[in-house]
Amino acid sequence: MMTKIGPQNRTTLPQSGCQDEMLISEDYKQLAERCMRLASECSDPDGAEALRALALDYLARAGGPTGRDRALSWE
């Protein structure tokens, strides 16, 4: 049985009052670590694969000049 993810399950990054803050490399690395941790705990193979792909995308963003020019991989 799959659990649906809704707004109550989302985590947000801390805000310091500015809506236009950019994520920095360290933020993307932390997001990638979270995705990998969740993937290792995920019992659904498709869900685990999607989380690993998202982690790789976050790592690519962490290595880029700004990160904002890259699109998320949801496939």
PDB file of N, CA and C in Angstrom:
ATOM      1  N   MET A   1       0.838  -1.178   0.000  1.00  0.00           N
ATOM      2  CA  MET A   1       0.000   0.000   0.000  1.00  0.00           C
ATOM      3  C   MET A   1       0.885   1.245   0.000  1.00  0.00           C
ATOM      4  N   MET A   2       0.604   2.159  -0.899  1.00  0.00           N
ATOM      5  CA  MET A   2       1.394   3.383  -0.980  1.00  0.00           C
ATOM      6  C   MET A   2       0.740   4.475  -0.143  1.00  0.00           C
ATOM      7  N   THR A   3       1.564   5.274   0.486  1.00  0.00           N
ATOM      8  CA  THR A   3       1.081   6.402   1.264  1.00  0.00           C
ATOM      9  C   THR A   3       1.164   7.646   0.408  1.00  0.00           C
ATOM     10  N   LYS A   4       0.072   8.382   0.353  1.00  0.00           N
ATOM     11  CA  LYS A   4       0.081   9.630  -0.410  1.00  0.00           C
ATOM     12  C   LYS A   4       0.790  10.697   0.401  1.00  0.00           C
ATOM     13  N   ILE A   5       1.580  11.483  -0.290  1.00  0.00           N
ATOM     14  CA  ILE A   5       2.316  12.575   0.336  1.00  0.00           C
ATOM     15  C   ILE A   5       1.518  13.845   0.111  1.00  0.00           C
ATOM     16  N   GLY A   6       1.181  14.503   1.170  1.00  0.00           N
ATOM     17  CA  GLY A   6       0.434  15.757   1.070  1.00  0.00           C
ATOM     18  C   GLY A   6       1.209  16.893   1.700  1.00  0.00           C
ATOM     19  N   PRO A   7       0.606  18.068   1.728  1.00  0.00           N
ATOM     20  CA  PRO A   7       1.285  19.240   2.282  1.00  0.00           C
ATOM     21  C   PRO A   7       1.748  19.041   3.720  1.00  0.00           C
ATOM     22  N   GLN A   8       1.048  18.221   4.480  1.00  0.00           N
ATOM     23  CA  GLN A   8       1.424  17.999   5.868  1.00  0.00           C
ATOM     24  C   GLN A   8       2.732  17.224   5.993  1.00  0.00           C
ATOM     25  N   ASN A   9       3.164  16.542   4.915  1.00  0.00           N
ATOM     26  CA  ASN A   9       4.389  15.748   4.943  1.00  0.00           C
ATOM     27  C   ASN A   9       5.607  16.501   4.425  1.00  0.00           C
ATOM     28  N   ARG A  10       5.416  17.690   3.925  1.00  0.00           N
ATOM     29  CA  ARG A  10       6.519  18.435   3.331  1.00  0.00           C
ATOM     30  C   ARG A  10       7.337  19.136   4.399  1.00  0.00           C
ATOM     31  N   THR A  11       8.634  19.195   4.141  1.00  0.00           N
ATOM     32  CA  THR A  11       9.495  19.976   5.012  1.00  0.00           C
ATOM     33  C   THR A  11       9.919  21.216   4.252  1.00  0.00           C
ATOM     34  N   THR A  12      10.159  22.259   4.974  1.00  0.00           N
ATOM     35  CA  THR A  12      10.574  23.504   4.333  1.00  0.00           C
ATOM     36  C   THR A  12      11.917  23.927   4.882  1.00  0.00           C
ATOM     37  N   LEU A  13      12.619  24.681   4.072  1.00  0.00           N
ATOM     38  CA  LEU A  13      13.891  25.232   4.514  1.00  0.00           C
ATOM     39  C   LEU A  13      13.606  26.470   5.352  1.00  0.00           C
ATOM     40  N   PRO A  14      14.465  26.757   6.314  1.00  0.00           N
ATOM     41  CA  PRO A  14      14.258  27.939   7.137  1.00  0.00           C
ATOM     42  C   PRO A  14      14.269  29.204   6.287  1.00  0.00           C
ATOM     43  N   GLN A  15      13.415  30.116   6.638  1.00  0.00           N
ATOM     44  CA  GLN A  15      13.321  31.393   5.941  1.00  0.00           C
ATOM     45  C   GLN A  15      13.830  32.493   6.862  1.00  0.00           C
ATOM     46  N   SER A  16      14.528  33.448   6.280  1.00  0.00           N
ATOM     47  CA  SER A  16      14.997  34.568   7.099  1.00  0.00           C
ATOM     48  C   SER A  16      14.284  35.850   6.711  1.00  0.00           C
ATOM     49  N   GLY A  17      13.093  35.717   6.118  1.00  0.00           N
ATOM     50  CA  GLY A  17      12.312  36.888   5.793  1.00  0.00           C
ATOM     51  C   GLY A  17      12.363  37.287   4.333  1.00  0.00           C
ATOM     52  N   CYS A  18      13.285  36.764   3.568  1.00  0.00           N
ATOM     53  CA  CYS A  18      13.411  37.123   2.154  1.00  0.00           C
ATOM     54  C   CYS A  18      12.835  35.998   1.307  1.00  0.00           C
ATOM     55  N   GLN A  19      11.835  36.297   0.496  1.00  0.00           N
ATOM     56  CA  GLN A  19      11.194  35.286  -0.342  1.00  0.00           C
ATOM     57  C   GLN A  19      12.071  34.849  -1.500  1.00  0.00           C
ATOM     58  N   ASP A  20      13.035  35.654  -1.913  1.00  0.00           N
ATOM     59  CA  ASP A  20      13.839  35.361  -3.094  1.00  0.00           C
ATOM     60  C   ASP A  20      15.200  34.760  -2.761  1.00  0.00           C
ATOM     61  N   GLU A  21      15.337  34.155  -1.595  1.00  0.00           N
ATOM     62  CA  GLU A  21      16.621  33.560  -1.224  1.00  0.00           C
ATOM     63  C   GLU A  21      16.951  32.393  -2.136  1.00  0.00           C
ATOM     64  N   MET A  22      18.208  32.291  -2.503  1.00  0.00           N
ATOM     65  CA  MET A  22      18.677  31.164  -3.301  1.00  0.00           C
ATOM     66  C   MET A  22      19.215  30.089  -2.374  1.00  0.00           C
ATOM     67  N   LEU A  23      19.011  28.848  -2.790  1.00  0.00           N
ATOM     68  CA  LEU A  23      19.635  27.763  -2.055  1.00  0.00           C
ATOM     69  C   LEU A  23      21.115  27.760  -2.412  1.00  0.00           C
ATOM     70  N   ILE A  24      21.930  27.495  -1.426  1.00  0.00           N
ATOM     71  CA  ILE A  24      23.369  27.434  -1.675  1.00  0.00           C
ATOM     72  C   ILE A  24      23.792  25.976  -1.789  1.00  0.00           C
ATOM     73  N   SER A  25      25.009  25.769  -2.198  1.00  0.00           N
ATOM     74  CA  SER A  25      25.537  24.427  -2.429  1.00  0.00           C
ATOM     75  C   SER A  25      25.309  23.508  -1.232  1.00  0.00           C
ATOM     76  N   GLU A  26      25.570  24.007  -0.045  1.00  0.00           N
ATOM     77  CA  GLU A  26      25.406  23.177   1.162  1.00  0.00           C
ATOM     78  C   GLU A  26      23.955  22.764   1.357  1.00  0.00           C
ATOM     79  N   ASP A  27      22.997  23.641   1.018  1.00  0.00           N
ATOM     80  CA  ASP A  27      21.573  23.292   1.119  1.00  0.00           C
ATOM     81  C   ASP A  27      21.250  22.108   0.208  1.00  0.00           C
ATOM     82  N   TYR A  28      21.748  22.177  -1.040  1.00  0.00           N
ATOM     83  CA  TYR A  28      21.496  21.088  -1.977  1.00  0.00           C
ATOM     84  C   TYR A  28      22.137  19.789  -1.507  1.00  0.00           C
ATOM     85  N   LYS A  29      23.323  19.876  -0.925  1.00  0.00           N
ATOM     86  CA  LYS A  29      23.981  18.664  -0.407  1.00  0.00           C
ATOM     87  C   LYS A  29      23.161  18.057   0.721  1.00  0.00           C
ATOM     88  N   GLN A  30      22.605  18.895   1.583  1.00  0.00           N
ATOM     89  CA  GLN A  30      21.784  18.395   2.682  1.00  0.00           C
ATOM     90  C   GLN A  30      20.500  17.758   2.159  1.00  0.00           C
ATOM     91  N   LEU A  31      19.897  18.378   1.144  1.00  0.00           N
ATOM     92  CA  LEU A  31      18.696  17.797   0.546  1.00  0.00           C
ATOM     93  C   LEU A  31      19.014  16.447  -0.092  1.00  0.00           C
ATOM     94  N   ALA A  32      20.166  16.347  -0.755  1.00  0.00           N
ATOM     95  CA  ALA A  32      20.579  15.078  -1.358  1.00  0.00           C
ATOM     96  C   ALA A  32      20.767  14.009  -0.289  1.00  0.00           C
ATOM     97  N   GLU A  33      21.377  14.379   0.823  1.00  0.00           N
ATOM     98  CA  GLU A  33      21.565  13.417   1.923  1.00  0.00           C
ATOM     99  C   GLU A  33      20.229  12.932   2.457  1.00  0.00           C
ATOM    100  N   ARG A  34      19.276  13.833   2.597  1.00  0.00           N
ATOM    101  CA  ARG A  34      17.936  13.437   3.074  1.00  0.00           C
ATOM    102  C   ARG A  34      17.292  12.462   2.111  1.00  0.00           C
ATOM    103  N   CYS A  35      17.387  12.755   0.810  1.00  0.00           N
ATOM    104  CA  CYS A  35      16.791  11.875  -0.187  1.00  0.00           C
ATOM    105  C   CYS A  35      17.429  10.491  -0.158  1.00  0.00           C
ATOM    106  N   MET A  36      18.746  10.440  -0.032  1.00  0.00           N
ATOM    107  CA  MET A  36      19.423   9.148   0.019  1.00  0.00           C
ATOM    108  C   MET A  36      19.039   8.372   1.279  1.00  0.00           C
ATOM    109  N   ARG A  37      18.910   9.074   2.390  1.00  0.00           N
ATOM    110  CA  ARG A  37      18.504   8.420   3.638  1.00  0.00           C
ATOM    111  C   ARG A  37      17.089   7.850   3.494  1.00  0.00           C
ATOM    112  N   LEU A  38      16.181   8.650   2.908  1.00  0.00           N
ATOM    113  CA  LEU A  38      14.815   8.178   2.699  1.00  0.00           C
ATOM    114  C   LEU A  38      14.778   7.013   1.712  1.00  0.00           C
ATOM    115  N   ALA A  39      15.596   7.094   0.666  1.00  0.00           N
ATOM    116  CA  ALA A  39      15.633   6.009  -0.323  1.00  0.00           C
ATOM    117  C   ALA A  39      16.074   4.696   0.322  1.00  0.00           C
ATOM    118  N   SER A  40      17.027   4.768   1.227  1.00  0.00           N
ATOM    119  CA  SER A  40      17.515   3.549   1.873  1.00  0.00           C
ATOM    120  C   SER A  40      16.468   2.946   2.812  1.00  0.00           C
ATOM    121  N   GLU A  41      15.539   3.777   3.280  1.00  0.00           N
ATOM    122  CA  GLU A  41      14.487   3.303   4.189  1.00  0.00           C
ATOM    123  C   GLU A  41      13.192   2.970   3.459  1.00  0.00           C
ATOM    124  N   CYS A  42      13.112   3.298   2.174  1.00  0.00           N
ATOM    125  CA  CYS A  42      11.883   3.141   1.403  1.00  0.00           C
ATOM    126  C   CYS A  42      11.684   1.685   1.005  1.00  0.00           C
ATOM    127  N   SER A  43      10.493   1.158   1.248  1.00  0.00           N
ATOM    128  CA  SER A  43      10.202  -0.233   0.899  1.00  0.00           C
ATOM    129  C   SER A  43       9.706  -0.377  -0.536  1.00  0.00           C
ATOM    130  N   ASP A  44       9.311   0.712  -1.154  1.00  0.00           N
ATOM    131  CA  ASP A  44       8.831   0.696  -2.536  1.00  0.00           C
ATOM    132  C   ASP A  44      10.006   0.937  -3.481  1.00  0.00           C
ATOM    133  N   PRO A  45      10.364  -0.031  -4.322  1.00  0.00           N
ATOM    134  CA  PRO A  45      11.519   0.134  -5.209  1.00  0.00           C
ATOM    135  C   PRO A  45      11.410   1.349  -6.131  1.00  0.00           C
ATOM    136  N   ASP A  46      10.220   1.625  -6.643  1.00  0.00           N
ATOM    137  CA  ASP A  46      10.050   2.787  -7.518  1.00  0.00           C
ATOM    138  C   ASP A  46      10.234   4.090  -6.747  1.00  0.00           C
ATOM    139  N   GLY A  47       9.731   4.117  -5.528  1.00  0.00           N
ATOM    140  CA  GLY A  47       9.896   5.304  -4.690  1.00  0.00           C
ATOM    141  C   GLY A  47      11.365   5.520  -4.339  1.00  0.00           C
ATOM    142  N   ALA A  48      12.063   4.440  -4.017  1.00  0.00           N
ATOM    143  CA  ALA A  48      13.487   4.537  -3.683  1.00  0.00           C
ATOM    144  C   ALA A  48      14.288   5.025  -4.885  1.00  0.00           C
ATOM    145  N   GLU A  49      13.942   4.521  -6.062  1.00  0.00           N
ATOM    146  CA  GLU A  49      14.646   4.941  -7.280  1.00  0.00           C
ATOM    147  C   GLU A  49      14.406   6.426  -7.556  1.00  0.00           C
ATOM    148  N   ALA A  50      13.180   6.875  -7.367  1.00  0.00           N
ATOM    149  CA  ALA A  50      12.858   8.292  -7.587  1.00  0.00           C
ATOM    150  C   ALA A  50      13.612   9.178  -6.594  1.00  0.00           C
ATOM    151  N   LEU A  51      13.714   8.734  -5.354  1.00  0.00           N
ATOM    152  CA  LEU A  51      14.452   9.508  -4.349  1.00  0.00           C
ATOM    153  C   LEU A  51      15.942   9.562  -4.673  1.00  0.00           C
ATOM    154  N   ARG A  52      16.501   8.457  -5.162  1.00  0.00           N
ATOM    155  CA  ARG A  52      17.917   8.464  -5.554  1.00  0.00           C
ATOM    156  C   ARG A  52      18.151   9.395  -6.742  1.00  0.00           C
ATOM    157  N   ALA A  53      17.224   9.403  -7.700  1.00  0.00           N
ATOM    158  CA  ALA A  53      17.345  10.305  -8.852  1.00  0.00           C
ATOM    159  C   ALA A  53      17.272  11.759  -8.401  1.00  0.00           C
ATOM    160  N   LEU A  54      16.388  12.044  -7.465  1.00  0.00           N
ATOM    161  CA  LEU A  54      16.271  13.403  -6.939  1.00  0.00           C
ATOM    162  C   LEU A  54      17.544  13.804  -6.195  1.00  0.00           C
ATOM    163  N   ALA A  55      18.118  12.857  -5.456  1.00  0.00           N
ATOM    164  CA  ALA A  55      19.371  13.133  -4.747  1.00  0.00           C
ATOM    165  C   ALA A  55      20.484  13.469  -5.731  1.00  0.00           C
ATOM    166  N   LEU A  56      20.565  12.721  -6.834  1.00  0.00           N
ATOM    167  CA  LEU A  56      21.578  13.007  -7.845  1.00  0.00           C
ATOM    168  C   LEU A  56      21.369  14.385  -8.465  1.00  0.00           C
ATOM    169  N   ASP A  57      20.116  14.756  -8.673  1.00  0.00           N
ATOM    170  CA  ASP A  57      19.821  16.077  -9.214  1.00  0.00           C
ATOM    171  C   ASP A  57      20.263  17.167  -8.234  1.00  0.00           C
ATOM    172  N   TYR A  58      19.987  16.960  -6.954  1.00  0.00           N
ATOM    173  CA  TYR A  58      20.420  17.939  -5.940  1.00  0.00           C
ATOM    174  C   TYR A  58      21.946  18.050  -5.908  1.00  0.00           C
ATOM    175  N   LEU A  59      22.634  16.912  -6.040  1.00  0.00           N
ATOM    176  CA  LEU A  59      24.098  16.958  -6.051  1.00  0.00           C
ATOM    177  C   LEU A  59      24.619  17.710  -7.278  1.00  0.00           C
ATOM    178  N   ALA A  60      23.940  17.538  -8.410  1.00  0.00           N
ATOM    179  CA  ALA A  60      24.335  18.284  -9.609  1.00  0.00           C
ATOM    180  C   ALA A  60      24.129  19.776  -9.395  1.00  0.00           C
ATOM    181  N   ARG A  61      23.029  20.128  -8.737  1.00  0.00           N
ATOM    182  CA  ARG A  61      22.770  21.536  -8.438  1.00  0.00           C
ATOM    183  C   ARG A  61      23.831  22.094  -7.485  1.00  0.00           C
ATOM    184  N   ALA A  62      24.262  21.280  -6.552  1.00  0.00           N
ATOM    185  CA  ALA A  62      25.273  21.724  -5.586  1.00  0.00           C
ATOM    186  C   ALA A  62      26.587  22.049  -6.277  1.00  0.00           C
ATOM    187  N   GLY A  63      26.865  21.365  -7.379  1.00  0.00           N
ATOM    188  CA  GLY A  63      28.115  21.585  -8.085  1.00  0.00           C
ATOM    189  C   GLY A  63      28.049  22.682  -9.122  1.00  0.00           C
ATOM    190  N   GLY A  64      26.835  23.157  -9.434  1.00  0.00           N
ATOM    191  CA  GLY A  64      26.681  24.183 -10.468  1.00  0.00           C
ATOM    192  C   GLY A  64      26.976  25.572  -9.948  1.00  0.00           C
ATOM    193  N   PRO A  65      27.115  26.542 -10.864  1.00  0.00           N
ATOM    194  CA  PRO A  65      27.453  27.916 -10.469  1.00  0.00           C
ATOM    195  C   PRO A  65      26.367  28.580  -9.626  1.00  0.00           C
ATOM    196  N   THR A  66      25.082  28.365  -9.957  1.00  0.00           N
ATOM    197  CA  THR A  66      24.025  28.984  -9.164  1.00  0.00           C
ATOM    198  C   THR A  66      22.983  27.989  -8.717  1.00  0.00           C
ATOM    199  N   GLY A  67      22.826  26.916  -9.454  1.00  0.00           N
ATOM    200  CA  GLY A  67      21.823  25.927  -9.110  1.00  0.00           C
ATOM    201  C   GLY A  67      20.440  26.288  -9.603  1.00  0.00           C
ATOM    202  N   ARG A  68      20.147  27.570  -9.776  1.00  0.00           N
ATOM    203  CA  ARG A  68      18.804  27.985 -10.177  1.00  0.00           C
ATOM    204  C   ARG A  68      18.519  27.676 -11.635  1.00  0.00           C
ATOM    205  N   ASP A  69      19.540  27.472 -12.454  1.00  0.00           N
ATOM    206  CA  ASP A  69      19.331  27.235 -13.877  1.00  0.00           C
ATOM    207  C   ASP A  69      19.007  25.786 -14.196  1.00  0.00           C
ATOM    208  N   ARG A  70      19.078  24.913 -13.224  1.00  0.00           N
ATOM    209  CA  ARG A  70      18.863  23.487 -13.466  1.00  0.00           C
ATOM    210  C   ARG A  70      17.428  23.110 -13.143  1.00  0.00           C
ATOM    211  N   ALA A  71      16.868  22.233 -13.921  1.00  0.00           N
ATOM    212  CA  ALA A  71      15.500  21.757 -13.694  1.00  0.00           C
ATOM    213  C   ALA A  71      15.554  20.503 -12.829  1.00  0.00           C
ATOM    214  N   LEU A  72      14.523  20.325 -12.023  1.00  0.00           N
ATOM    215  CA  LEU A  72      14.426  19.110 -11.217  1.00  0.00           C
ATOM    216  C   LEU A  72      14.089  17.919 -12.099  1.00  0.00           C
ATOM    217  N   SER A  73      14.616  16.769 -11.777  1.00  0.00           N
ATOM    218  CA  SER A  73      14.327  15.543 -12.506  1.00  0.00           C
ATOM    219  C   SER A  73      13.255  14.778 -11.757  1.00  0.00           C
ATOM    220  N   TRP A  74      12.084  14.691 -12.343  1.00  0.00           N
ATOM    221  CA  TRP A  74      10.993  13.972 -11.689  1.00  0.00           C
ATOM    222  C   TRP A  74      10.711  12.644 -12.391  1.00  0.00           C
ATOM    223  N   GLU A  75      11.527  12.286 -13.363  1.00  0.00           N
ATOM    224  CA  GLU A  75      11.283  11.053 -14.113  1.00  0.00           C
ATOM    225  C   GLU A  75      11.919   9.877 -13.437  1.00  0.00           C
TER     226      GLU A  75
END
